[in-house]
Amino acid sequence: VGYVGRDVESMIRDLVDQSVAMVRSEKSEEVKEKAALLVEERLLDILL
């Protein structure tokens, strides 16, 4: 601390960012089918 460079705590912040991305990806897979049905409805509303 006090010199030009990265703070050692940034490695934990990077780890948390990775973890959030990982869990978000897992949750996305869980809701993918439900999202696909909602997307079809929205596309139908645009087309007809």
ModelCIF file with pLDDT and N, C-alpha, C, O atoms, coordinates in Angstrom:
data_MODEL
#
_entry.id   MODEL 
#
_entity.id                         1 
_entity.type                       polymer 
_entity.pdbx_number_of_molecules   1 
#
_entity_poly.entity_id                      1 
_entity_poly.type                           'polypeptide(L)' 
_entity_poly.nstd_linkage                   no 
_entity_poly.nstd_monomer                   no 
_entity_poly.pdbx_seq_one_letter_code       VGYVGRDVESMIRDLVDQSVAMVRSEKSEEVKEKAALLVEERLLDILL 
_entity_poly.pdbx_seq_one_letter_code_can   VGYVGRDVESMIRDLVDQSVAMVRSEKSEEVKEKAALLVEERLLDILL 
_entity_poly.pdbx_strand_id                 A 
#
loop_
_entity_poly_seq.entity_id 
_entity_poly_seq.num 
_entity_poly_seq.mon_id 
_entity_poly_seq.hetero 
1 1  VAL n 
1 2  GLY n 
1 3  TYR n 
1 4  VAL n 
1 5  GLY n 
1 6  ARG n 
1 7  ASP n 
1 8  VAL n 
1 9  GLU n 
1 10 SER n 
1 11 MET n 
1 12 ILE n 
1 13 ARG n 
1 14 ASP n 
1 15 LEU n 
1 16 VAL n 
1 17 ASP n 
1 18 GLN n 
1 19 SER n 
1 20 VAL n 
1 21 ALA n 
1 22 MET n 
1 23 VAL n 
1 24 ARG n 
1 25 SER n 
1 26 GLU n 
1 27 LYS n 
1 28 SER n 
1 29 GLU n 
1 30 GLU n 
1 31 VAL n 
1 32 LYS n 
1 33 GLU n 
1 34 LYS n 
1 35 ALA n 
1 36 ALA n 
1 37 LEU n 
1 38 LEU n 
1 39 VAL n 
1 40 GLU n 
1 41 GLU n 
1 42 ARG n 
1 43 LEU n 
1 44 LEU n 
1 45 ASP n 
1 46 ILE n 
1 47 LEU n 
1 48 LEU n 
#
_struct_asym.id          A 
_struct_asym.entity_id   1 
#
loop_
_ma_qa_metric.id 
_ma_qa_metric.mode 
_ma_qa_metric.name 
_ma_qa_metric.software_group_id 
_ma_qa_metric.type 
1 global pLDDT . pLDDT 
2 local  pLDDT . pLDDT 
#
_ma_qa_metric_global.metric_id      1 
_ma_qa_metric_global.metric_value   84.69 
_ma_qa_metric_global.model_id       1 
_ma_qa_metric_global.ordinal_id     1 
#
loop_
_ma_qa_metric_local.label_asym_id 
_ma_qa_metric_local.label_comp_id 
_ma_qa_metric_local.label_seq_id 
_ma_qa_metric_local.metric_id 
_ma_qa_metric_local.metric_value 
_ma_qa_metric_local.model_id 
_ma_qa_metric_local.ordinal_id 
A VAL 1  2 59.00 1 1  
A GLY 2  2 53.00 1 2  
A TYR 3  2 58.00 1 3  
A VAL 4  2 57.00 1 4  
A GLY 5  2 60.00 1 5  
A ARG 6  2 74.00 1 6  
A ASP 7  2 82.00 1 7  
A VAL 8  2 86.00 1 8  
A GLU 9  2 88.00 1 9  
A SER 10 2 89.00 1 10 
A MET 11 2 91.00 1 11 
A ILE 12 2 93.00 1 12 
A ARG 13 2 92.00 1 13 
A ASP 14 2 92.00 1 14 
A LEU 15 2 93.00 1 15 
A VAL 16 2 94.00 1 16 
A ASP 17 2 93.00 1 17 
A GLN 18 2 92.00 1 18 
A SER 19 2 94.00 1 19 
A VAL 20 2 94.00 1 20 
A ALA 21 2 92.00 1 21 
A MET 22 2 92.00 1 22 
A VAL 23 2 93.00 1 23 
A ARG 24 2 92.00 1 24 
A SER 25 2 90.00 1 25 
A GLU 26 2 90.00 1 26 
A LYS 27 2 90.00 1 27 
A SER 28 2 90.00 1 28 
A GLU 29 2 89.00 1 29 
A GLU 30 2 89.00 1 30 
A VAL 31 2 89.00 1 31 
A LYS 32 2 88.00 1 32 
A GLU 33 2 88.00 1 33 
A LYS 34 2 89.00 1 34 
A ALA 35 2 88.00 1 35 
A ALA 36 2 86.00 1 36 
A LEU 37 2 87.00 1 37 
A LEU 38 2 88.00 1 38 
A VAL 39 2 84.00 1 39 
A GLU 40 2 83.00 1 40 
A GLU 41 2 85.00 1 41 
A ARG 42 2 85.00 1 42 
A LEU 43 2 83.00 1 43 
A LEU 44 2 82.00 1 44 
A ASP 45 2 82.00 1 45 
A ILE 46 2 82.00 1 46 
A LEU 47 2 79.00 1 47 
A LEU 48 2 76.00 1 48 
#
loop_
_atom_site.group_PDB 
_atom_site.id 
_atom_site.type_symbol 
_atom_site.label_atom_id 
_atom_site.label_alt_id 
_atom_site.label_comp_id 
_atom_site.label_asym_id 
_atom_site.label_entity_id 
_atom_site.label_seq_id 
_atom_site.pdbx_PDB_ins_code 
_atom_site.Cartn_x 
_atom_site.Cartn_y 
_atom_site.Cartn_z 
_atom_site.occupancy 
_atom_site.B_iso_or_equiv 
_atom_site.pdbx_formal_charge 
_atom_site.auth_seq_id 
_atom_site.auth_comp_id 
_atom_site.auth_asym_id 
_atom_site.auth_atom_id 
_atom_site.pdbx_PDB_model_num 
ATOM 1   N N  . VAL A 1 1  ? 0.846   -1.196  0.000   1.00 59.00 ? 1  VAL A N  1 
ATOM 2   C CA . VAL A 1 1  ? 0.000   0.000   0.000   1.00 59.00 ? 1  VAL A CA 1 
ATOM 3   C C  . VAL A 1 1  ? 0.878   1.242   0.000   1.00 59.00 ? 1  VAL A C  1 
ATOM 4   O O  . VAL A 1 1  ? 1.799   1.363   0.808   1.00 59.00 ? 1  VAL A O  1 
ATOM 5   N N  . GLY A 1 2  ? 0.586   2.160   -0.911  1.00 53.00 ? 2  GLY A N  1 
ATOM 6   C CA . GLY A 1 2  ? 1.398   3.371   -1.024  1.00 53.00 ? 2  GLY A CA 1 
ATOM 7   C C  . GLY A 1 2  ? 2.262   3.369   -2.271  1.00 53.00 ? 2  GLY A C  1 
ATOM 8   O O  . GLY A 1 2  ? 2.812   4.403   -2.650  1.00 53.00 ? 2  GLY A O  1 
ATOM 9   N N  . TYR A 1 3  ? 2.389   2.186   -2.927  1.00 58.00 ? 3  TYR A N  1 
ATOM 10  C CA . TYR A 1 3  ? 3.159   2.095   -4.170  1.00 58.00 ? 3  TYR A CA 1 
ATOM 11  C C  . TYR A 1 3  ? 2.193   1.883   -5.336  1.00 58.00 ? 3  TYR A C  1 
ATOM 12  O O  . TYR A 1 3  ? 1.050   1.467   -5.148  1.00 58.00 ? 3  TYR A O  1 
ATOM 13  N N  . VAL A 1 4  ? 2.676   2.178   -6.540  1.00 57.00 ? 4  VAL A N  1 
ATOM 14  C CA . VAL A 1 4  ? 1.858   1.988   -7.736  1.00 57.00 ? 4  VAL A CA 1 
ATOM 15  C C  . VAL A 1 4  ? 1.694   0.503   -7.989  1.00 57.00 ? 4  VAL A C  1 
ATOM 16  O O  . VAL A 1 4  ? 2.686   -0.221  -8.066  1.00 57.00 ? 4  VAL A O  1 
ATOM 17  N N  . GLY A 1 5  ? 0.472   0.038   -8.119  1.00 60.00 ? 5  GLY A N  1 
ATOM 18  C CA . GLY A 1 5  ? 0.212   -1.377  -8.365  1.00 60.00 ? 5  GLY A CA 1 
ATOM 19  C C  . GLY A 1 5  ? -1.110  -1.800  -7.757  1.00 60.00 ? 5  GLY A C  1 
ATOM 20  O O  . GLY A 1 5  ? -1.816  -0.985  -7.162  1.00 60.00 ? 5  GLY A O  1 
ATOM 21  N N  . ARG A 1 6  ? -1.444  -3.069  -7.905  1.00 74.00 ? 6  ARG A N  1 
ATOM 22  C CA . ARG A 1 6  ? -2.723  -3.588  -7.428  1.00 74.00 ? 6  ARG A CA 1 
ATOM 23  C C  . ARG A 1 6  ? -2.696  -3.872  -5.927  1.00 74.00 ? 6  ARG A C  1 
ATOM 24  O O  . ARG A 1 6  ? -1.676  -4.264  -5.359  1.00 74.00 ? 6  ARG A O  1 
ATOM 25  N N  . ASP A 1 7  ? -3.843  -3.662  -5.318  1.00 82.00 ? 7  ASP A N  1 
ATOM 26  C CA . ASP A 1 7  ? -4.024  -3.964  -3.900  1.00 82.00 ? 7  ASP A CA 1 
ATOM 27  C C  . ASP A 1 7  ? -4.283  -5.468  -3.773  1.00 82.00 ? 7  ASP A C  1 
ATOM 28  O O  . ASP A 1 7  ? -5.031  -6.029  -4.574  1.00 82.00 ? 7  ASP A O  1 
ATOM 29  N N  . VAL A 1 8  ? -3.676  -6.135  -2.774  1.00 86.00 ? 8  VAL A N  1 
ATOM 30  C CA . VAL A 1 8  ? -3.814  -7.588  -2.643  1.00 86.00 ? 8  VAL A CA 1 
ATOM 31  C C  . VAL A 1 8  ? -5.268  -8.019  -2.452  1.00 86.00 ? 8  VAL A C  1 
ATOM 32  O O  . VAL A 1 8  ? -5.630  -9.132  -2.836  1.00 86.00 ? 8  VAL A O  1 
ATOM 33  N N  . GLU A 1 9  ? -6.109  -7.161  -1.867  1.00 88.00 ? 9  GLU A N  1 
ATOM 34  C CA . GLU A 1 9  ? -7.512  -7.526  -1.661  1.00 88.00 ? 9  GLU A CA 1 
ATOM 35  C C  . GLU A 1 9  ? -8.271  -7.654  -2.977  1.00 88.00 ? 9  GLU A C  1 
ATOM 36  O O  . GLU A 1 9  ? -9.351  -8.244  -3.013  1.00 88.00 ? 9  GLU A O  1 
ATOM 37  N N  . SER A 1 10 ? -7.714  -7.106  -4.061  1.00 89.00 ? 10 SER A N  1 
ATOM 38  C CA . SER A 1 10 ? -8.398  -7.178  -5.350  1.00 89.00 ? 10 SER A CA 1 
ATOM 39  C C  . SER A 1 10 ? -8.535  -8.615  -5.840  1.00 89.00 ? 10 SER A C  1 
ATOM 40  O O  . SER A 1 10 ? -9.425  -8.914  -6.636  1.00 89.00 ? 10 SER A O  1 
ATOM 41  N N  . MET A 1 11 ? -7.646  -9.523  -5.364  1.00 91.00 ? 11 MET A N  1 
ATOM 42  C CA . MET A 1 11 ? -7.759  -10.928 -5.792  1.00 91.00 ? 11 MET A CA 1 
ATOM 43  C C  . MET A 1 11 ? -9.061  -11.538 -5.268  1.00 91.00 ? 11 MET A C  1 
ATOM 44  O O  . MET A 1 11 ? -9.675  -12.359 -5.949  1.00 91.00 ? 11 MET A O  1 
ATOM 45  N N  . ILE A 1 12 ? -9.486  -11.141 -4.062  1.00 93.00 ? 12 ILE A N  1 
ATOM 46  C CA . ILE A 1 12 ? -10.747 -11.652 -3.513  1.00 93.00 ? 12 ILE A CA 1 
ATOM 47  C C  . ILE A 1 12 ? -11.927 -11.017 -4.238  1.00 93.00 ? 12 ILE A C  1 
ATOM 48  O O  . ILE A 1 12 ? -12.939 -11.674 -4.482  1.00 93.00 ? 12 ILE A O  1 
ATOM 49  N N  . ARG A 1 13 ? -11.795 -9.741  -4.581  1.00 92.00 ? 13 ARG A N  1 
ATOM 50  C CA . ARG A 1 13 ? -12.873 -9.091  -5.339  1.00 92.00 ? 13 ARG A CA 1 
ATOM 51  C C  . ARG A 1 13 ? -13.032 -9.743  -6.710  1.00 92.00 ? 13 ARG A C  1 
ATOM 52  O O  . ARG A 1 13 ? -14.149 -9.932  -7.192  1.00 92.00 ? 13 ARG A O  1 
ATOM 53  N N  . ASP A 1 14 ? -11.899 -10.087 -7.335  1.00 92.00 ? 14 ASP A N  1 
ATOM 54  C CA . ASP A 1 14 ? -11.955 -10.798 -8.624  1.00 92.00 ? 14 ASP A CA 1 
ATOM 55  C C  . ASP A 1 14 ? -12.616 -12.166 -8.461  1.00 92.00 ? 14 ASP A C  1 
ATOM 56  O O  . ASP A 1 14 ? -13.389 -12.599 -9.315  1.00 92.00 ? 14 ASP A O  1 
ATOM 57  N N  . LEU A 1 15 ? -12.302 -12.838 -7.352  1.00 93.00 ? 15 LEU A N  1 
ATOM 58  C CA . LEU A 1 15 ? -12.876 -14.160 -7.080  1.00 93.00 ? 15 LEU A CA 1 
ATOM 59  C C  . LEU A 1 15 ? -14.387 -14.072 -6.912  1.00 93.00 ? 15 LEU A C  1 
ATOM 60  O O  . LEU A 1 15 ? -15.122 -14.930 -7.400  1.00 93.00 ? 15 LEU A O  1 
ATOM 61  N N  . VAL A 1 16 ? -14.847 -13.036 -6.222  1.00 94.00 ? 16 VAL A N  1 
ATOM 62  C CA . VAL A 1 16 ? -16.292 -12.851 -6.029  1.00 94.00 ? 16 VAL A CA 1 
ATOM 63  C C  . VAL A 1 16 ? -16.970 -12.559 -7.370  1.00 94.00 ? 16 VAL A C  1 
ATOM 64  O O  . VAL A 1 16 ? -18.051 -13.078 -7.647  1.00 94.00 ? 16 VAL A O  1 
ATOM 65  N N  . ASP A 1 17 ? -16.333 -11.726 -8.203  1.00 93.00 ? 17 ASP A N  1 
ATOM 66  C CA . ASP A 1 17 ? -16.886 -11.458 -9.541  1.00 93.00 ? 17 ASP A CA 1 
ATOM 67  C C  . ASP A 1 17 ? -17.045 -12.751 -10.337 1.00 93.00 ? 17 ASP A C  1 
ATOM 68  O O  . ASP A 1 17 ? -18.065 -12.966 -10.992 1.00 93.00 ? 17 ASP A O  1 
ATOM 69  N N  . GLN A 1 18 ? -16.016 -13.616 -10.272 1.00 92.00 ? 18 GLN A N  1 
ATOM 70  C CA . GLN A 1 18 ? -16.080 -14.907 -10.967 1.00 92.00 ? 18 GLN A CA 1 
ATOM 71  C C  . GLN A 1 18 ? -17.229 -15.753 -10.427 1.00 92.00 ? 18 GLN A C  1 
ATOM 72  O O  . GLN A 1 18 ? -17.960 -16.388 -11.188 1.00 92.00 ? 18 GLN A O  1 
ATOM 73  N N  . SER A 1 19 ? -17.376 -15.752 -9.118  1.00 94.00 ? 19 SER A N  1 
ATOM 74  C CA . SER A 1 19 ? -18.417 -16.559 -8.488  1.00 94.00 ? 19 SER A CA 1 
ATOM 75  C C  . SER A 1 19 ? -19.815 -16.064 -8.863  1.00 94.00 ? 19 SER A C  1 
ATOM 76  O O  . SER A 1 19 ? -20.707 -16.867 -9.139  1.00 94.00 ? 19 SER A O  1 
ATOM 77  N N  . VAL A 1 20 ? -20.004 -14.748 -8.874  1.00 94.00 ? 20 VAL A N  1 
ATOM 78  C CA . VAL A 1 20 ? -21.306 -14.181 -9.252  1.00 94.00 ? 20 VAL A CA 1 
ATOM 79  C C  . VAL A 1 20 ? -21.635 -14.563 -10.694 1.00 94.00 ? 20 VAL A C  1 
ATOM 80  O O  . VAL A 1 20 ? -22.767 -14.940 -10.996 1.00 94.00 ? 20 VAL A O  1 
ATOM 81  N N  . ALA A 1 21 ? -20.647 -14.466 -11.583 1.00 92.00 ? 21 ALA A N  1 
ATOM 82  C CA . ALA A 1 21 ? -20.859 -14.839 -12.988 1.00 92.00 ? 21 ALA A CA 1 
ATOM 83  C C  . ALA A 1 21 ? -21.210 -16.320 -13.109 1.00 92.00 ? 21 ALA A C  1 
ATOM 84  O O  . ALA A 1 21 ? -22.060 -16.702 -13.913 1.00 92.00 ? 21 ALA A O  1 
ATOM 85  N N  . MET A 1 22 ? -20.542 -17.155 -12.298 1.00 92.00 ? 22 MET A N  1 
ATOM 86  C CA . MET A 1 22 ? -20.790 -18.604 -12.328 1.00 92.00 ? 22 MET A CA 1 
ATOM 87  C C  . MET A 1 22 ? -22.207 -18.926 -11.860 1.00 92.00 ? 22 MET A C  1 
ATOM 88  O O  . MET A 1 22 ? -22.916 -19.697 -12.507 1.00 92.00 ? 22 MET A O  1 
ATOM 89  N N  . VAL A 1 23 ? -22.624 -18.334 -10.729 1.00 93.00 ? 23 VAL A N  1 
ATOM 90  C CA . VAL A 1 23 ? -23.956 -18.613 -10.187 1.00 93.00 ? 23 VAL A CA 1 
ATOM 91  C C  . VAL A 1 23 ? -25.032 -18.045 -11.115 1.00 93.00 ? 23 VAL A C  1 
ATOM 92  O O  . VAL A 1 23 ? -26.069 -18.674 -11.328 1.00 93.00 ? 23 VAL A O  1 
ATOM 93  N N  . ARG A 1 24 ? -24.780 -16.849 -11.669 1.00 92.00 ? 24 ARG A N  1 
ATOM 94  C CA . ARG A 1 24 ? -25.750 -16.249 -12.596 1.00 92.00 ? 24 ARG A CA 1 
ATOM 95  C C  . ARG A 1 24 ? -25.957 -17.163 -13.808 1.00 92.00 ? 24 ARG A C  1 
ATOM 96  O O  . ARG A 1 24 ? -27.079 -17.338 -14.282 1.00 92.00 ? 24 ARG A O  1 
ATOM 97  N N  . SER A 1 25 ? -24.862 -17.739 -14.299 1.00 90.00 ? 25 SER A N  1 
ATOM 98  C CA . SER A 1 25 ? -24.945 -18.661 -15.435 1.00 90.00 ? 25 SER A CA 1 
ATOM 99  C C  . SER A 1 25 ? -25.755 -19.906 -15.075 1.00 90.00 ? 25 SER A C  1 
ATOM 100 O O  . SER A 1 25 ? -26.560 -20.381 -15.876 1.00 90.00 ? 25 SER A O  1 
ATOM 101 N N  . GLU A 1 26 ? -25.538 -20.435 -13.857 1.00 90.00 ? 26 GLU A N  1 
ATOM 102 C CA . GLU A 1 26 ? -26.298 -21.610 -13.407 1.00 90.00 ? 26 GLU A CA 1 
ATOM 103 C C  . GLU A 1 26 ? -27.784 -21.281 -13.298 1.00 90.00 ? 26 GLU A C  1 
ATOM 104 O O  . GLU A 1 26 ? -28.631 -22.064 -13.729 1.00 90.00 ? 26 GLU A O  1 
ATOM 105 N N  . LYS A 1 27 ? -28.099 -20.125 -12.722 1.00 90.00 ? 27 LYS A N  1 
ATOM 106 C CA . LYS A 1 27 ? -29.502 -19.718 -12.568 1.00 90.00 ? 27 LYS A CA 1 
ATOM 107 C C  . LYS A 1 27 ? -30.148 -19.469 -13.935 1.00 90.00 ? 27 LYS A C  1 
ATOM 108 O O  . LYS A 1 27 ? -31.330 -19.751 -14.132 1.00 90.00 ? 27 LYS A O  1 
ATOM 109 N N  . SER A 1 28 ? -29.363 -18.940 -14.871 1.00 90.00 ? 28 SER A N  1 
ATOM 110 C CA . SER A 1 28 ? -29.877 -18.687 -16.222 1.00 90.00 ? 28 SER A CA 1 
ATOM 111 C C  . SER A 1 28 ? -30.327 -19.976 -16.884 1.00 90.00 ? 28 SER A C  1 
ATOM 112 O O  . SER A 1 28 ? -31.357 -20.015 -17.558 1.00 90.00 ? 28 SER A O  1 
ATOM 113 N N  . GLU A 1 29 ? -29.537 -21.044 -16.685 1.00 89.00 ? 29 GLU A N  1 
ATOM 114 C CA . GLU A 1 29 ? -29.896 -22.344 -17.255 1.00 89.00 ? 29 GLU A CA 1 
ATOM 115 C C  . GLU A 1 29 ? -31.202 -22.858 -16.654 1.00 89.00 ? 29 GLU A C  1 
ATOM 116 O O  . GLU A 1 29 ? -32.002 -23.491 -17.342 1.00 89.00 ? 29 GLU A O  1 
ATOM 117 N N  . GLU A 1 30 ? -31.415 -22.580 -15.354 1.00 89.00 ? 30 GLU A N  1 
ATOM 118 C CA . GLU A 1 30 ? -32.620 -23.059 -14.684 1.00 89.00 ? 30 GLU A CA 1 
ATOM 119 C C  . GLU A 1 30 ? -33.888 -22.393 -15.228 1.00 89.00 ? 30 GLU A C  1 
ATOM 120 O O  . GLU A 1 30 ? -34.940 -23.027 -15.307 1.00 89.00 ? 30 GLU A O  1 
ATOM 121 N N  . VAL A 1 31 ? -33.786 -21.115 -15.603 1.00 89.00 ? 31 VAL A N  1 
ATOM 122 C CA . VAL A 1 31 ? -34.983 -20.376 -16.051 1.00 89.00 ? 31 VAL A CA 1 
ATOM 123 C C  . VAL A 1 31 ? -35.062 -20.257 -17.571 1.00 89.00 ? 31 VAL A C  1 
ATOM 124 O O  . VAL A 1 31 ? -35.921 -19.553 -18.101 1.00 89.00 ? 31 VAL A O  1 
ATOM 125 N N  . LYS A 1 32 ? -34.162 -20.948 -18.266 1.00 88.00 ? 32 LYS A N  1 
ATOM 126 C CA . LYS A 1 32 ? -34.082 -20.788 -19.723 1.00 88.00 ? 32 LYS A CA 1 
ATOM 127 C C  . LYS A 1 32 ? -35.379 -21.207 -20.420 1.00 88.00 ? 32 LYS A C  1 
ATOM 128 O O  . LYS A 1 32 ? -35.843 -20.529 -21.337 1.00 88.00 ? 32 LYS A O  1 
ATOM 129 N N  . GLU A 1 33 ? -35.963 -22.330 -19.982 1.00 88.00 ? 33 GLU A N  1 
ATOM 130 C CA . GLU A 1 33 ? -37.183 -22.817 -20.632 1.00 88.00 ? 33 GLU A CA 1 
ATOM 131 C C  . GLU A 1 33 ? -38.339 -21.844 -20.412 1.00 88.00 ? 33 GLU A C  1 
ATOM 132 O O  . GLU A 1 33 ? -39.095 -21.546 -21.337 1.00 88.00 ? 33 GLU A O  1 
ATOM 133 N N  . LYS A 1 34 ? -38.467 -21.356 -19.192 1.00 89.00 ? 34 LYS A N  1 
ATOM 134 C CA . LYS A 1 34 ? -39.542 -20.394 -18.892 1.00 89.00 ? 34 LYS A CA 1 
ATOM 135 C C  . LYS A 1 34 ? -39.332 -19.114 -19.690 1.00 89.00 ? 34 LYS A C  1 
ATOM 136 O O  . LYS A 1 34 ? -40.288 -18.530 -20.201 1.00 89.00 ? 34 LYS A O  1 
ATOM 137 N N  . ALA A 1 35 ? -38.070 -18.676 -19.796 1.00 88.00 ? 35 ALA A N  1 
ATOM 138 C CA . ALA A 1 35 ? -37.769 -17.461 -20.560 1.00 88.00 ? 35 ALA A CA 1 
ATOM 139 C C  . ALA A 1 35 ? -38.111 -17.651 -22.035 1.00 88.00 ? 35 ALA A C  1 
ATOM 140 O O  . ALA A 1 35 ? -38.596 -16.727 -22.688 1.00 88.00 ? 35 ALA A O  1 
ATOM 141 N N  . ALA A 1 36 ? -37.856 -18.859 -22.560 1.00 86.00 ? 36 ALA A N  1 
ATOM 142 C CA . ALA A 1 36 ? -38.138 -19.129 -23.981 1.00 86.00 ? 36 ALA A CA 1 
ATOM 143 C C  . ALA A 1 36 ? -39.626 -18.977 -24.283 1.00 86.00 ? 36 ALA A C  1 
ATOM 144 O O  . ALA A 1 36 ? -39.992 -18.466 -25.341 1.00 86.00 ? 36 ALA A O  1 
ATOM 145 N N  . LEU A 1 37 ? -40.490 -19.419 -23.361 1.00 87.00 ? 37 LEU A N  1 
ATOM 146 C CA . LEU A 1 37 ? -41.940 -19.276 -23.554 1.00 87.00 ? 37 LEU A CA 1 
ATOM 147 C C  . LEU A 1 37 ? -42.352 -17.802 -23.542 1.00 87.00 ? 37 LEU A C  1 
ATOM 148 O O  . LEU A 1 37 ? -43.183 -17.371 -24.341 1.00 87.00 ? 37 LEU A O  1 
ATOM 149 N N  . LEU A 1 38 ? -41.760 -17.044 -22.629 1.00 88.00 ? 38 LEU A N  1 
ATOM 150 C CA . LEU A 1 38 ? -42.071 -15.604 -22.561 1.00 88.00 ? 38 LEU A CA 1 
ATOM 151 C C  . LEU A 1 38 ? -41.584 -14.879 -23.810 1.00 88.00 ? 38 LEU A C  1 
ATOM 152 O O  . LEU A 1 38 ? -42.232 -13.944 -24.282 1.00 88.00 ? 38 LEU A O  1 
ATOM 153 N N  . VAL A 1 39 ? -40.457 -15.303 -24.338 1.00 84.00 ? 39 VAL A N  1 
ATOM 154 C CA . VAL A 1 39 ? -39.915 -14.699 -25.568 1.00 84.00 ? 39 VAL A CA 1 
ATOM 155 C C  . VAL A 1 39 ? -40.849 -14.969 -26.736 1.00 84.00 ? 39 VAL A C  1 
ATOM 156 O O  . VAL A 1 39 ? -41.084 -14.092 -27.567 1.00 84.00 ? 39 VAL A O  1 
ATOM 157 N N  . GLU A 1 40 ? -41.382 -16.189 -26.798 1.00 83.00 ? 40 GLU A N  1 
ATOM 158 C CA . GLU A 1 40 ? -42.329 -16.520 -27.883 1.00 83.00 ? 40 GLU A CA 1 
ATOM 159 C C  . GLU A 1 40 ? -43.548 -15.614 -27.836 1.00 83.00 ? 40 GLU A C  1 
ATOM 160 O O  . GLU A 1 40 ? -44.026 -15.150 -28.871 1.00 83.00 ? 40 GLU A O  1 
ATOM 161 N N  . GLU A 1 41 ? -44.053 -15.363 -26.623 1.00 85.00 ? 41 GLU A N  1 
ATOM 162 C CA . GLU A 1 41 ? -45.216 -14.475 -26.482 1.00 85.00 ? 41 GLU A CA 1 
ATOM 163 C C  . GLU A 1 41 ? -44.888 -13.057 -26.948 1.00 85.00 ? 41 GLU A C  1 
ATOM 164 O O  . GLU A 1 41 ? -45.695 -12.413 -27.620 1.00 85.00 ? 41 GLU A O  1 
ATOM 165 N N  . ARG A 1 42 ? -43.709 -12.581 -26.588 1.00 85.00 ? 42 ARG A N  1 
ATOM 166 C CA . ARG A 1 42 ? -43.325 -11.221 -26.990 1.00 85.00 ? 42 ARG A CA 1 
ATOM 167 C C  . ARG A 1 42 ? -43.128 -11.127 -28.504 1.00 85.00 ? 42 ARG A C  1 
ATOM 168 O O  . ARG A 1 42 ? -43.489 -10.124 -29.120 1.00 85.00 ? 42 ARG A O  1 
ATOM 169 N N  . LEU A 1 43 ? -42.563 -12.161 -29.090 1.00 83.00 ? 43 LEU A N  1 
ATOM 170 C CA . LEU A 1 43 ? -42.384 -12.163 -30.551 1.00 83.00 ? 43 LEU A CA 1 
ATOM 171 C C  . LEU A 1 43 ? -43.741 -12.207 -31.256 1.00 83.00 ? 43 LEU A C  1 
ATOM 172 O O  . LEU A 1 43 ? -43.948 -11.545 -32.273 1.00 83.00 ? 43 LEU A O  1 
ATOM 173 N N  . LEU A 1 44 ? -44.666 -13.003 -30.694 1.00 82.00 ? 44 LEU A N  1 
ATOM 174 C CA . LEU A 1 44 ? -46.014 -13.069 -31.274 1.00 82.00 ? 44 LEU A CA 1 
ATOM 175 C C  . LEU A 1 44 ? -46.698 -11.707 -31.215 1.00 82.00 ? 44 LEU A C  1 
ATOM 176 O O  . LEU A 1 44 ? -47.367 -11.298 -32.164 1.00 82.00 ? 44 LEU A O  1 
ATOM 177 N N  . ASP A 1 45 ? -46.528 -11.010 -30.096 1.00 82.00 ? 45 ASP A N  1 
ATOM 178 C CA . ASP A 1 45 ? -47.150 -9.687  -29.944 1.00 82.00 ? 45 ASP A CA 1 
ATOM 179 C C  . ASP A 1 45 ? -46.608 -8.701  -30.979 1.00 82.00 ? 45 ASP A C  1 
ATOM 180 O O  . ASP A 1 45 ? -47.327 -7.817  -31.443 1.00 82.00 ? 45 ASP A O  1 
ATOM 181 N N  . ILE A 1 46 ? -45.311 -8.866  -31.340 1.00 82.00 ? 46 ILE A N  1 
ATOM 182 C CA . ILE A 1 46 ? -44.726 -7.987  -32.356 1.00 82.00 ? 46 ILE A CA 1 
ATOM 183 C C  . ILE A 1 46 ? -45.230 -8.368  -33.751 1.00 82.00 ? 46 ILE A C  1 
ATOM 184 O O  . ILE A 1 46 ? -45.587 -7.496  -34.544 1.00 82.00 ? 46 ILE A O  1 
ATOM 185 N N  . LEU A 1 47 ? -45.260 -9.670  -34.048 1.00 79.00 ? 47 LEU A N  1 
ATOM 186 C CA . LEU A 1 47 ? -45.669 -10.145 -35.377 1.00 79.00 ? 47 LEU A CA 1 
ATOM 187 C C  . LEU A 1 47 ? -47.165 -10.006 -35.603 1.00 79.00 ? 47 LEU A C  1 
ATOM 188 O O  . LEU A 1 47 ? -47.613 -9.617  -36.682 1.00 79.00 ? 47 LEU A O  1 
ATOM 189 N N  . LEU A 1 48 ? -47.939 -10.333 -34.555 1.00 76.00 ? 48 LEU A N  1 
ATOM 190 C CA . LEU A 1 48 ? -49.398 -10.333 -34.699 1.00 76.00 ? 48 LEU A CA 1 
ATOM 191 C C  . LEU A 1 48 ? -50.016 -9.897  -33.375 1.00 76.00 ? 48 LEU A C  1 
ATOM 192 O O  . LEU A 1 48 ? -51.239 -9.823  -33.259 1.00 76.00 ? 48 LEU A O  1 
#
